[in-house]
């Protein structure tokens, strides 16, 4: 609620203070929000806030807020700590977003949204496990996860892992186009292009 830019600053500040108080008192959802907020501050890195963010993420994760895992994983990936990135995703593998993220990493050797990380290509090649990666993405796509469906489409479209199959690729891309996350998505233009071919 505090990110609503139509809200005046004093109301946003009051809402944020309330969320902080809830987080400090142990509210899982507030801790999850604050954890991701603090470790995701762009250009405002503050060691104390990052440590607090990681602490909030861990607390909410321990109470079953598994989607905080992708936030934490992204933080460690961008720091180049690939072991911690993989560890967090494995701990939250019951979450379909974590399945998709780890699946893509195990196939392509990079995160869904970022190619920042360890620049040692041999290091990455040793981590690739295509069978497990495909299995994870496929399971997430069966649960209608937008990113997973897109990447299944890519695998078939480009003949990566599977034989090239434009018909199956278009089925996945069409599911993406009909998904609520399609409009304004990172891959909207790509999906429209693939469907027009």
N, C-alpha and C. Protein backbone atom coordinates (compact mmCIF):
# COMPACT_ATOMS: atom_id res chain seq x y z
N UNK A 1 0.81 -1.20 0.00
CA UNK A 1 0.00 0.00 0.00
C UNK A 1 0.85 1.26 0.00
N UNK A 2 2.00 1.23 0.68
CA UNK A 2 2.82 2.44 0.78
C UNK A 2 3.49 2.80 -0.53
N UNK A 3 3.51 1.87 -1.50
CA UNK A 3 4.13 2.17 -2.79
C UNK A 3 3.17 2.87 -3.74
N UNK A 4 1.94 3.11 -3.32
CA UNK A 4 0.97 3.80 -4.16
C UNK A 4 1.41 5.26 -4.31
N UNK A 5 1.81 5.64 -5.52
CA UNK A 5 2.36 6.97 -5.74
C UNK A 5 1.30 8.06 -5.74
N UNK A 6 0.03 7.68 -5.74
CA UNK A 6 -1.03 8.67 -5.63
C UNK A 6 -1.24 9.10 -4.18
N UNK A 7 -0.69 8.33 -3.26
CA UNK A 7 -0.85 8.60 -1.84
C UNK A 7 0.16 9.70 -1.44
N UNK A 8 -0.28 10.62 -0.59
CA UNK A 8 0.68 11.66 -0.19
C UNK A 8 1.78 11.06 0.69
N UNK A 9 2.90 11.74 0.76
CA UNK A 9 4.10 11.22 1.44
C UNK A 9 3.84 10.89 2.91
N UNK A 10 3.09 11.71 3.60
CA UNK A 10 2.87 11.45 5.03
C UNK A 10 2.10 10.14 5.23
N UNK A 11 1.12 9.88 4.37
CA UNK A 11 0.38 8.62 4.47
C UNK A 11 1.26 7.43 4.12
N UNK A 12 2.10 7.60 3.10
CA UNK A 12 3.02 6.52 2.73
C UNK A 12 4.00 6.25 3.87
N UNK A 13 4.53 7.31 4.46
CA UNK A 13 5.46 7.15 5.57
C UNK A 13 4.78 6.46 6.76
N UNK A 14 3.54 6.85 7.04
CA UNK A 14 2.80 6.23 8.14
C UNK A 14 2.56 4.75 7.87
N UNK A 15 2.21 4.43 6.64
CA UNK A 15 1.98 3.03 6.27
C UNK A 15 3.27 2.23 6.41
N UNK A 16 4.38 2.81 5.98
CA UNK A 16 5.65 2.10 6.07
C UNK A 16 6.05 1.87 7.53
N UNK A 17 5.83 2.87 8.37
CA UNK A 17 6.12 2.73 9.80
C UNK A 17 5.27 1.60 10.39
N UNK A 18 4.01 1.51 9.97
CA UNK A 18 3.13 0.45 10.47
C UNK A 18 3.63 -0.92 10.02
N UNK A 19 4.06 -1.02 8.77
CA UNK A 19 4.61 -2.29 8.27
C UNK A 19 5.87 -2.66 9.04
N UNK A 20 6.72 -1.68 9.32
CA UNK A 20 7.94 -1.93 10.09
C UNK A 20 7.61 -2.45 11.49
N UNK A 21 6.62 -1.84 12.12
CA UNK A 21 6.21 -2.27 13.47
C UNK A 21 5.68 -3.70 13.43
N UNK A 22 4.89 -4.02 12.40
CA UNK A 22 4.38 -5.39 12.26
C UNK A 22 5.53 -6.39 12.02
N UNK A 23 6.49 -5.99 11.19
CA UNK A 23 7.63 -6.85 10.94
C UNK A 23 8.44 -7.09 12.20
N UNK A 24 8.68 -6.02 12.97
CA UNK A 24 9.43 -6.16 14.22
C UNK A 24 8.69 -7.02 15.24
N UNK A 25 7.36 -7.05 15.14
CA UNK A 25 6.58 -7.85 16.10
C UNK A 25 6.40 -9.30 15.64
N UNK A 26 6.95 -9.64 14.44
CA UNK A 26 6.93 -11.02 13.99
C UNK A 26 5.93 -11.37 12.92
N UNK A 27 5.24 -10.39 12.35
CA UNK A 27 4.28 -10.68 11.29
C UNK A 27 5.01 -11.17 10.04
N UNK A 28 4.68 -12.37 9.61
CA UNK A 28 5.38 -13.02 8.50
C UNK A 28 5.30 -12.21 7.21
N UNK A 29 4.12 -11.74 6.84
CA UNK A 29 3.97 -11.02 5.58
C UNK A 29 4.72 -9.69 5.58
N UNK A 30 4.72 -9.02 6.72
CA UNK A 30 5.46 -7.76 6.82
C UNK A 30 6.96 -8.03 6.75
N UNK A 31 7.41 -9.10 7.39
CA UNK A 31 8.83 -9.44 7.33
C UNK A 31 9.25 -9.80 5.91
N UNK A 32 8.38 -10.52 5.23
CA UNK A 32 8.67 -10.88 3.84
C UNK A 32 8.80 -9.63 2.98
N UNK A 33 7.83 -8.73 3.11
CA UNK A 33 7.85 -7.48 2.34
C UNK A 33 9.09 -6.67 2.67
N UNK A 34 9.36 -6.46 3.95
CA UNK A 34 10.50 -5.65 4.36
C UNK A 34 11.82 -6.29 3.95
N UNK A 35 11.90 -7.61 4.09
CA UNK A 35 13.12 -8.30 3.69
C UNK A 35 13.45 -8.06 2.23
N UNK A 36 12.46 -8.26 1.37
CA UNK A 36 12.69 -8.05 -0.07
C UNK A 36 12.94 -6.58 -0.38
N UNK A 37 12.26 -5.70 0.33
CA UNK A 37 12.47 -4.27 0.12
C UNK A 37 13.90 -3.88 0.49
N UNK A 38 14.35 -4.27 1.66
CA UNK A 38 15.67 -3.86 2.13
C UNK A 38 16.81 -4.43 1.29
N UNK A 39 16.71 -5.68 0.89
CA UNK A 39 17.82 -6.23 0.10
C UNK A 39 17.72 -5.83 -1.37
N UNK A 40 16.60 -5.26 -1.76
CA UNK A 40 16.43 -4.85 -3.15
C UNK A 40 16.60 -3.37 -3.40
N UNK A 41 17.03 -2.62 -2.40
CA UNK A 41 17.20 -1.18 -2.59
C UNK A 41 18.27 -0.91 -3.63
N UNK A 42 17.91 -0.29 -4.70
CA UNK A 42 18.84 -0.01 -5.78
C UNK A 42 19.51 1.34 -5.55
N UNK A 43 20.82 1.35 -5.55
CA UNK A 43 21.56 2.60 -5.40
C UNK A 43 21.55 3.15 -3.99
N UNK A 44 20.92 2.44 -3.07
CA UNK A 44 20.84 2.93 -1.69
C UNK A 44 21.35 1.84 -0.74
N UNK A 45 22.38 1.09 -1.21
CA UNK A 45 22.88 0.00 -0.41
C UNK A 45 23.32 0.50 0.97
N UNK A 46 22.87 -0.18 1.97
CA UNK A 46 23.19 0.14 3.35
C UNK A 46 23.39 -1.19 4.05
N UNK A 47 24.62 -1.43 4.52
CA UNK A 47 24.94 -2.73 5.11
C UNK A 47 23.96 -3.12 6.22
N UNK A 48 23.60 -2.18 7.06
CA UNK A 48 22.68 -2.47 8.16
C UNK A 48 21.30 -2.89 7.63
N UNK A 49 20.79 -2.16 6.64
CA UNK A 49 19.47 -2.48 6.09
C UNK A 49 19.50 -3.82 5.34
N UNK A 50 20.59 -4.09 4.64
CA UNK A 50 20.70 -5.37 3.93
C UNK A 50 20.71 -6.52 4.94
N UNK A 51 21.48 -6.37 6.01
CA UNK A 51 21.50 -7.42 7.04
C UNK A 51 20.12 -7.60 7.66
N UNK A 52 19.44 -6.48 7.91
CA UNK A 52 18.07 -6.55 8.46
C UNK A 52 17.14 -7.22 7.45
N UNK A 53 17.30 -6.89 6.17
CA UNK A 53 16.49 -7.50 5.12
C UNK A 53 16.69 -8.99 5.05
N UNK A 54 17.95 -9.43 5.10
CA UNK A 54 18.24 -10.86 5.06
C UNK A 54 17.62 -11.55 6.27
N UNK A 55 17.73 -10.91 7.43
CA UNK A 55 17.14 -11.46 8.65
C UNK A 55 15.61 -11.60 8.50
N UNK A 56 14.95 -10.56 8.00
CA UNK A 56 13.50 -10.62 7.78
C UNK A 56 13.15 -11.73 6.78
N UNK A 57 13.93 -11.84 5.70
CA UNK A 57 13.67 -12.88 4.70
C UNK A 57 13.79 -14.27 5.33
N UNK A 58 14.83 -14.48 6.09
CA UNK A 58 15.03 -15.79 6.73
C UNK A 58 13.90 -16.12 7.69
N UNK A 59 13.47 -15.13 8.46
CA UNK A 59 12.37 -15.36 9.41
C UNK A 59 11.09 -15.72 8.68
N UNK A 60 10.77 -14.98 7.64
CA UNK A 60 9.52 -15.27 6.91
C UNK A 60 9.64 -16.60 6.16
N UNK A 61 10.82 -16.90 5.67
CA UNK A 61 11.05 -18.17 4.99
C UNK A 61 10.87 -19.34 5.96
N UNK A 62 11.33 -19.17 7.19
CA UNK A 62 11.20 -20.24 8.18
C UNK A 62 9.74 -20.49 8.56
N UNK A 63 8.86 -19.52 8.25
CA UNK A 63 7.43 -19.68 8.54
C UNK A 63 6.64 -20.03 7.28
N UNK A 64 7.34 -20.44 6.24
CA UNK A 64 6.66 -20.94 5.05
C UNK A 64 6.39 -19.94 3.95
N UNK A 65 6.93 -18.73 4.04
CA UNK A 65 6.74 -17.74 2.98
C UNK A 65 7.76 -18.01 1.88
N UNK A 66 7.54 -19.10 1.12
CA UNK A 66 8.54 -19.58 0.19
C UNK A 66 8.81 -18.66 -0.99
N UNK A 67 7.85 -17.80 -1.36
CA UNK A 67 8.13 -16.93 -2.50
C UNK A 67 9.15 -15.86 -2.17
N UNK A 68 9.50 -15.68 -0.90
CA UNK A 68 10.59 -14.77 -0.54
C UNK A 68 11.92 -15.35 -1.03
N UNK A 69 11.94 -16.64 -1.31
CA UNK A 69 13.16 -17.29 -1.78
C UNK A 69 13.69 -16.71 -3.07
N UNK A 70 12.81 -16.37 -4.01
CA UNK A 70 13.30 -15.82 -5.28
C UNK A 70 13.93 -14.45 -5.07
N UNK A 71 13.40 -13.70 -4.12
CA UNK A 71 13.98 -12.39 -3.79
C UNK A 71 15.39 -12.56 -3.21
N UNK A 72 15.50 -13.49 -2.26
CA UNK A 72 16.82 -13.76 -1.65
C UNK A 72 17.78 -14.34 -2.68
N UNK A 73 17.29 -15.27 -3.50
CA UNK A 73 18.15 -15.89 -4.51
C UNK A 73 18.70 -14.84 -5.46
N UNK A 74 17.83 -13.92 -5.91
CA UNK A 74 18.26 -12.86 -6.81
C UNK A 74 19.35 -12.00 -6.17
N UNK A 75 19.19 -11.70 -4.89
CA UNK A 75 20.18 -10.91 -4.16
C UNK A 75 21.55 -11.62 -4.19
N UNK A 76 21.56 -12.90 -3.87
CA UNK A 76 22.84 -13.64 -3.84
C UNK A 76 23.40 -13.84 -5.25
N UNK A 77 22.53 -14.03 -6.23
CA UNK A 77 22.99 -14.19 -7.61
C UNK A 77 23.73 -12.93 -8.06
N UNK A 78 23.14 -11.78 -7.80
CA UNK A 78 23.76 -10.51 -8.22
C UNK A 78 25.05 -10.23 -7.48
N UNK A 79 25.19 -10.79 -6.28
CA UNK A 79 26.44 -10.66 -5.54
C UNK A 79 27.49 -11.64 -6.05
N UNK A 80 27.07 -12.59 -6.89
CA UNK A 80 28.00 -13.59 -7.41
C UNK A 80 28.14 -14.80 -6.50
N UNK A 81 27.29 -14.92 -5.49
CA UNK A 81 27.33 -16.05 -4.56
C UNK A 81 26.38 -17.13 -5.07
N UNK A 82 26.85 -17.88 -6.07
CA UNK A 82 26.01 -18.85 -6.76
C UNK A 82 25.64 -20.03 -5.85
N UNK A 83 26.55 -20.42 -4.95
CA UNK A 83 26.22 -21.51 -4.03
C UNK A 83 25.02 -21.15 -3.17
N UNK A 84 25.02 -19.93 -2.63
CA UNK A 84 23.90 -19.49 -1.79
C UNK A 84 22.62 -19.33 -2.64
N UNK A 85 22.76 -18.82 -3.85
CA UNK A 85 21.64 -18.69 -4.79
C UNK A 85 20.96 -20.05 -4.99
N UNK A 86 21.75 -21.07 -5.30
CA UNK A 86 21.21 -22.41 -5.53
C UNK A 86 20.64 -22.99 -4.24
N UNK A 87 21.32 -22.77 -3.13
CA UNK A 87 20.85 -23.27 -1.84
C UNK A 87 19.47 -22.71 -1.49
N UNK A 88 19.30 -21.40 -1.66
CA UNK A 88 18.01 -20.75 -1.35
C UNK A 88 16.92 -21.32 -2.27
N UNK A 89 17.21 -21.46 -3.55
CA UNK A 89 16.20 -21.99 -4.48
C UNK A 89 15.84 -23.44 -4.14
N UNK A 90 16.82 -24.22 -3.77
CA UNK A 90 16.53 -25.60 -3.36
C UNK A 90 15.68 -25.65 -2.09
N UNK A 91 15.92 -24.73 -1.17
CA UNK A 91 15.14 -24.69 0.07
C UNK A 91 13.69 -24.27 -0.17
N UNK A 92 13.47 -23.54 -1.27
CA UNK A 92 12.13 -23.03 -1.56
C UNK A 92 11.54 -23.70 -2.81
N UNK A 93 12.02 -24.89 -3.13
CA UNK A 93 11.66 -25.54 -4.38
C UNK A 93 10.17 -25.90 -4.48
N UNK A 94 9.45 -25.88 -3.36
CA UNK A 94 8.01 -26.12 -3.42
C UNK A 94 7.27 -24.95 -4.08
N UNK A 95 7.93 -23.82 -4.19
CA UNK A 95 7.35 -22.64 -4.83
C UNK A 95 7.64 -22.70 -6.32
N UNK A 96 6.61 -22.50 -7.15
CA UNK A 96 6.78 -22.61 -8.60
C UNK A 96 7.72 -21.57 -9.19
N UNK A 97 7.82 -20.40 -8.57
CA UNK A 97 8.75 -19.38 -9.06
C UNK A 97 10.19 -19.87 -8.84
N UNK A 98 10.44 -20.48 -7.68
CA UNK A 98 11.77 -21.04 -7.42
C UNK A 98 12.08 -22.18 -8.39
N UNK A 99 11.07 -23.01 -8.68
CA UNK A 99 11.26 -24.10 -9.66
C UNK A 99 11.69 -23.51 -11.01
N UNK A 100 10.99 -22.47 -11.44
CA UNK A 100 11.27 -21.87 -12.74
C UNK A 100 12.66 -21.25 -12.75
N UNK A 101 12.98 -20.49 -11.72
CA UNK A 101 14.28 -19.83 -11.64
C UNK A 101 15.41 -20.85 -11.66
N UNK A 102 15.33 -21.85 -10.78
CA UNK A 102 16.39 -22.86 -10.72
C UNK A 102 16.44 -23.67 -12.01
N UNK A 103 15.28 -23.99 -12.55
CA UNK A 103 15.23 -24.73 -13.81
C UNK A 103 15.95 -23.99 -14.92
N UNK A 104 15.69 -22.71 -15.06
CA UNK A 104 16.36 -21.91 -16.10
C UNK A 104 17.86 -21.86 -15.86
N UNK A 105 18.25 -21.70 -14.60
CA UNK A 105 19.68 -21.67 -14.30
C UNK A 105 20.34 -22.99 -14.68
N UNK A 106 19.69 -24.10 -14.36
CA UNK A 106 20.27 -25.42 -14.63
C UNK A 106 20.35 -25.73 -16.13
N UNK A 107 19.51 -25.07 -16.92
CA UNK A 107 19.55 -25.27 -18.38
C UNK A 107 20.47 -24.27 -19.05
N UNK A 108 20.28 -22.98 -18.74
CA UNK A 108 20.99 -21.92 -19.45
C UNK A 108 22.22 -21.38 -18.73
N UNK A 109 22.36 -21.70 -17.44
CA UNK A 109 23.50 -21.21 -16.69
C UNK A 109 23.39 -19.75 -16.30
N UNK A 110 22.16 -19.23 -16.26
CA UNK A 110 21.95 -17.85 -15.83
C UNK A 110 20.57 -17.70 -15.22
N UNK A 111 20.41 -16.62 -14.47
CA UNK A 111 19.14 -16.31 -13.83
C UNK A 111 18.11 -15.90 -14.88
N UNK A 112 16.84 -16.00 -14.51
CA UNK A 112 15.76 -15.55 -15.41
C UNK A 112 15.90 -14.08 -15.78
N UNK A 113 16.25 -13.25 -14.81
CA UNK A 113 16.19 -11.81 -15.01
C UNK A 113 17.53 -11.10 -15.00
N UNK A 114 18.59 -11.84 -14.81
CA UNK A 114 19.88 -11.18 -14.67
C UNK A 114 20.98 -12.08 -15.17
N UNK A 115 21.95 -11.51 -15.85
CA UNK A 115 23.10 -12.31 -16.25
C UNK A 115 24.34 -11.90 -15.47
N UNK A 116 24.12 -11.22 -14.36
CA UNK A 116 25.22 -10.83 -13.48
C UNK A 116 25.55 -12.02 -12.60
N UNK A 117 26.76 -12.20 -12.29
CA UNK A 117 27.15 -13.29 -11.40
C UNK A 117 28.59 -13.68 -11.62
N UNK A 118 28.92 -14.89 -11.33
CA UNK A 118 30.27 -15.40 -11.49
C UNK A 118 30.59 -15.46 -12.98
N UNK A 119 31.68 -14.87 -13.40
CA UNK A 119 31.98 -14.80 -14.83
C UNK A 119 32.77 -16.01 -15.33
N UNK A 120 33.01 -16.99 -14.49
CA UNK A 120 33.76 -18.17 -14.86
C UNK A 120 32.84 -19.17 -15.58
N UNK A 121 32.94 -19.22 -16.93
CA UNK A 121 32.05 -20.07 -17.72
C UNK A 121 32.19 -21.54 -17.37
N UNK A 122 33.40 -21.99 -17.08
CA UNK A 122 33.61 -23.40 -16.72
C UNK A 122 32.87 -23.71 -15.42
N UNK A 123 32.90 -22.78 -14.49
CA UNK A 123 32.19 -22.94 -13.22
C UNK A 123 30.70 -23.16 -13.48
N UNK A 124 30.11 -22.35 -14.35
CA UNK A 124 28.69 -22.48 -14.66
C UNK A 124 28.40 -23.79 -15.38
N UNK A 125 29.23 -24.14 -16.35
CA UNK A 125 29.01 -25.37 -17.10
C UNK A 125 28.96 -26.58 -16.18
N UNK A 126 29.74 -26.56 -15.12
CA UNK A 126 29.76 -27.68 -14.18
C UNK A 126 28.48 -27.76 -13.34
N UNK A 127 27.71 -26.69 -13.30
CA UNK A 127 26.47 -26.67 -12.52
C UNK A 127 25.24 -27.04 -13.35
N UNK A 128 25.38 -27.04 -14.66
CA UNK A 128 24.23 -27.30 -15.53
C UNK A 128 23.77 -28.75 -15.38
N UNK A 129 22.46 -28.89 -15.24
CA UNK A 129 21.82 -30.20 -15.12
C UNK A 129 20.50 -30.09 -15.88
N UNK A 130 20.59 -30.33 -17.19
CA UNK A 130 19.44 -30.09 -18.06
C UNK A 130 18.22 -30.92 -17.70
N UNK A 131 18.42 -32.18 -17.34
CA UNK A 131 17.27 -33.03 -17.01
C UNK A 131 16.50 -32.47 -15.83
N UNK A 132 17.20 -32.10 -14.77
CA UNK A 132 16.52 -31.54 -13.60
C UNK A 132 15.90 -30.18 -13.96
N UNK A 133 16.63 -29.37 -14.73
CA UNK A 133 16.12 -28.06 -15.12
C UNK A 133 14.82 -28.15 -15.88
N UNK A 134 14.76 -29.03 -16.87
CA UNK A 134 13.54 -29.21 -17.67
C UNK A 134 12.41 -29.72 -16.78
N UNK A 135 12.72 -30.66 -15.91
CA UNK A 135 11.69 -31.21 -15.02
C UNK A 135 11.07 -30.11 -14.16
N UNK A 136 11.90 -29.22 -13.62
CA UNK A 136 11.40 -28.14 -12.77
C UNK A 136 10.54 -27.15 -13.56
N UNK A 137 11.02 -26.75 -14.73
CA UNK A 137 10.26 -25.79 -15.54
C UNK A 137 8.94 -26.40 -16.02
N UNK A 138 9.00 -27.65 -16.41
CA UNK A 138 7.77 -28.31 -16.88
C UNK A 138 6.72 -28.37 -15.77
N UNK A 139 7.15 -28.74 -14.55
CA UNK A 139 6.20 -28.79 -13.42
C UNK A 139 5.59 -27.41 -13.17
N UNK A 140 6.41 -26.38 -13.20
CA UNK A 140 5.90 -25.02 -12.97
C UNK A 140 4.96 -24.60 -14.10
N UNK A 141 5.27 -24.97 -15.34
CA UNK A 141 4.40 -24.59 -16.46
C UNK A 141 3.05 -25.29 -16.36
N UNK A 142 3.04 -26.52 -15.81
CA UNK A 142 1.78 -27.23 -15.61
C UNK A 142 0.90 -26.52 -14.58
N UNK A 143 1.53 -25.72 -13.72
CA UNK A 143 0.80 -24.92 -12.73
C UNK A 143 0.55 -23.50 -13.23
N UNK A 144 0.68 -23.31 -14.54
CA UNK A 144 0.33 -22.04 -15.19
C UNK A 144 1.23 -20.87 -14.78
N UNK A 145 2.51 -21.15 -14.52
CA UNK A 145 3.45 -20.08 -14.18
C UNK A 145 3.95 -19.46 -15.48
N UNK A 146 3.70 -18.18 -15.64
CA UNK A 146 3.98 -17.46 -16.88
C UNK A 146 5.41 -17.67 -17.37
N UNK A 147 6.39 -17.43 -16.51
CA UNK A 147 7.80 -17.53 -16.90
C UNK A 147 8.16 -18.95 -17.33
N UNK A 148 7.59 -19.93 -16.65
CA UNK A 148 7.87 -21.32 -16.99
C UNK A 148 7.28 -21.67 -18.36
N UNK A 149 6.06 -21.22 -18.63
CA UNK A 149 5.45 -21.49 -19.93
C UNK A 149 6.26 -20.84 -21.04
N UNK A 150 6.72 -19.61 -20.80
CA UNK A 150 7.53 -18.90 -21.79
C UNK A 150 8.81 -19.70 -22.09
N UNK A 151 9.48 -20.15 -21.05
CA UNK A 151 10.74 -20.86 -21.27
C UNK A 151 10.53 -22.25 -21.88
N UNK A 152 9.42 -22.92 -21.58
CA UNK A 152 9.12 -24.17 -22.28
C UNK A 152 8.92 -23.88 -23.77
N UNK A 153 8.22 -22.80 -24.07
CA UNK A 153 8.06 -22.40 -25.46
C UNK A 153 9.39 -22.14 -26.15
N UNK A 154 10.29 -21.45 -25.45
CA UNK A 154 11.62 -21.18 -26.00
C UNK A 154 12.40 -22.46 -26.28
N UNK A 155 12.32 -23.39 -25.35
CA UNK A 155 13.05 -24.66 -25.53
C UNK A 155 12.59 -25.36 -26.81
N UNK A 156 11.27 -25.40 -27.03
CA UNK A 156 10.76 -26.03 -28.25
C UNK A 156 11.02 -25.18 -29.49
N UNK A 157 10.89 -23.88 -29.36
CA UNK A 157 11.07 -22.98 -30.51
C UNK A 157 12.51 -23.04 -31.04
N UNK A 158 13.47 -23.06 -30.13
CA UNK A 158 14.87 -23.04 -30.53
C UNK A 158 15.50 -24.42 -30.62
N UNK A 159 14.76 -25.46 -30.28
CA UNK A 159 15.32 -26.80 -30.32
C UNK A 159 16.40 -27.01 -29.27
N UNK A 160 16.21 -26.41 -28.10
CA UNK A 160 17.14 -26.58 -26.98
C UNK A 160 16.59 -27.70 -26.11
N UNK A 161 17.38 -28.69 -25.86
CA UNK A 161 17.03 -29.86 -25.06
C UNK A 161 16.08 -30.78 -25.84
N UNK A 162 14.99 -30.23 -26.36
CA UNK A 162 14.02 -30.99 -27.17
C UNK A 162 14.31 -30.77 -28.64
N UNK A 163 13.74 -31.64 -29.48
CA UNK A 163 13.77 -31.37 -30.92
C UNK A 163 12.93 -30.13 -31.17
N UNK A 164 13.33 -29.35 -32.16
CA UNK A 164 12.58 -28.14 -32.50
C UNK A 164 11.16 -28.53 -32.87
N UNK A 165 10.17 -27.85 -32.25
CA UNK A 165 8.77 -28.16 -32.50
C UNK A 165 7.98 -26.85 -32.37
N UNK A 166 7.78 -26.20 -33.52
CA UNK A 166 7.12 -24.89 -33.52
C UNK A 166 5.67 -24.97 -33.06
N UNK A 167 5.02 -26.09 -33.35
CA UNK A 167 3.62 -26.25 -32.93
C UNK A 167 3.51 -26.24 -31.40
N UNK A 168 4.36 -27.04 -30.73
CA UNK A 168 4.35 -27.06 -29.26
C UNK A 168 4.80 -25.71 -28.70
N UNK A 169 5.79 -25.12 -29.33
CA UNK A 169 6.27 -23.81 -28.87
C UNK A 169 5.12 -22.80 -28.90
N UNK A 170 4.37 -22.78 -29.99
CA UNK A 170 3.26 -21.83 -30.11
C UNK A 170 2.16 -22.11 -29.09
N UNK A 171 1.96 -23.39 -28.73
CA UNK A 171 0.98 -23.71 -27.68
C UNK A 171 1.39 -23.04 -26.36
N UNK A 172 2.66 -23.14 -26.03
CA UNK A 172 3.14 -22.51 -24.80
C UNK A 172 3.05 -20.99 -24.88
N UNK A 173 3.43 -20.43 -26.05
CA UNK A 173 3.37 -18.97 -26.20
C UNK A 173 1.93 -18.46 -26.16
N UNK A 174 1.00 -19.24 -26.71
CA UNK A 174 -0.41 -18.86 -26.66
C UNK A 174 -0.92 -18.88 -25.21
N UNK A 175 -0.50 -19.89 -24.45
CA UNK A 175 -0.87 -19.92 -23.02
C UNK A 175 -0.33 -18.67 -22.32
N UNK A 176 0.87 -18.25 -22.70
CA UNK A 176 1.45 -17.02 -22.12
C UNK A 176 0.60 -15.81 -22.50
N UNK A 177 0.23 -15.74 -23.76
CA UNK A 177 -0.54 -14.58 -24.22
C UNK A 177 -1.89 -14.49 -23.51
N UNK A 178 -2.45 -15.63 -23.14
CA UNK A 178 -3.74 -15.64 -22.45
C UNK A 178 -3.60 -15.53 -20.93
N UNK A 179 -2.39 -15.44 -20.45
CA UNK A 179 -2.12 -15.37 -19.01
C UNK A 179 -2.28 -13.93 -18.51
N UNK A 180 -2.71 -13.77 -17.28
CA UNK A 180 -2.91 -12.44 -16.70
C UNK A 180 -1.62 -11.62 -16.63
N UNK A 181 -0.47 -12.26 -16.66
CA UNK A 181 0.82 -11.55 -16.56
C UNK A 181 1.34 -11.08 -17.92
N UNK A 182 0.65 -11.40 -19.00
CA UNK A 182 1.16 -11.12 -20.34
C UNK A 182 1.32 -9.63 -20.62
N UNK A 183 0.26 -8.85 -20.41
CA UNK A 183 0.28 -7.43 -20.74
C UNK A 183 1.37 -6.71 -19.96
N UNK A 184 2.29 -6.08 -20.67
CA UNK A 184 3.36 -5.33 -20.04
C UNK A 184 4.50 -6.19 -19.51
N UNK A 185 4.47 -7.49 -19.83
CA UNK A 185 5.52 -8.37 -19.32
C UNK A 185 6.83 -8.13 -20.06
N UNK A 186 7.88 -8.57 -19.45
CA UNK A 186 9.23 -8.45 -20.01
C UNK A 186 9.32 -9.10 -21.39
N UNK A 187 8.58 -10.19 -21.59
CA UNK A 187 8.67 -10.96 -22.83
C UNK A 187 7.47 -10.77 -23.76
N UNK A 188 6.63 -9.77 -23.53
CA UNK A 188 5.43 -9.59 -24.33
C UNK A 188 5.74 -9.47 -25.82
N UNK A 189 6.68 -8.62 -26.19
CA UNK A 189 7.01 -8.44 -27.60
C UNK A 189 7.55 -9.73 -28.23
N UNK A 190 8.39 -10.44 -27.49
CA UNK A 190 8.94 -11.70 -28.00
C UNK A 190 7.82 -12.70 -28.26
N UNK A 191 6.90 -12.82 -27.32
CA UNK A 191 5.80 -13.79 -27.46
C UNK A 191 4.95 -13.45 -28.67
N UNK A 192 4.63 -12.18 -28.86
CA UNK A 192 3.84 -11.77 -30.02
C UNK A 192 4.58 -12.09 -31.31
N UNK A 193 5.88 -11.86 -31.31
CA UNK A 193 6.70 -12.17 -32.50
C UNK A 193 6.66 -13.67 -32.80
N UNK A 194 6.88 -14.50 -31.78
CA UNK A 194 6.89 -15.95 -31.99
C UNK A 194 5.52 -16.44 -32.47
N UNK A 195 4.45 -15.86 -31.98
CA UNK A 195 3.11 -16.29 -32.40
C UNK A 195 2.78 -15.87 -33.83
N UNK A 196 3.39 -14.78 -34.31
CA UNK A 196 3.11 -14.31 -35.66
C UNK A 196 3.85 -15.11 -36.73
N UNK A 197 4.93 -15.78 -36.35
CA UNK A 197 5.72 -16.54 -37.33
C UNK A 197 4.96 -17.71 -37.91
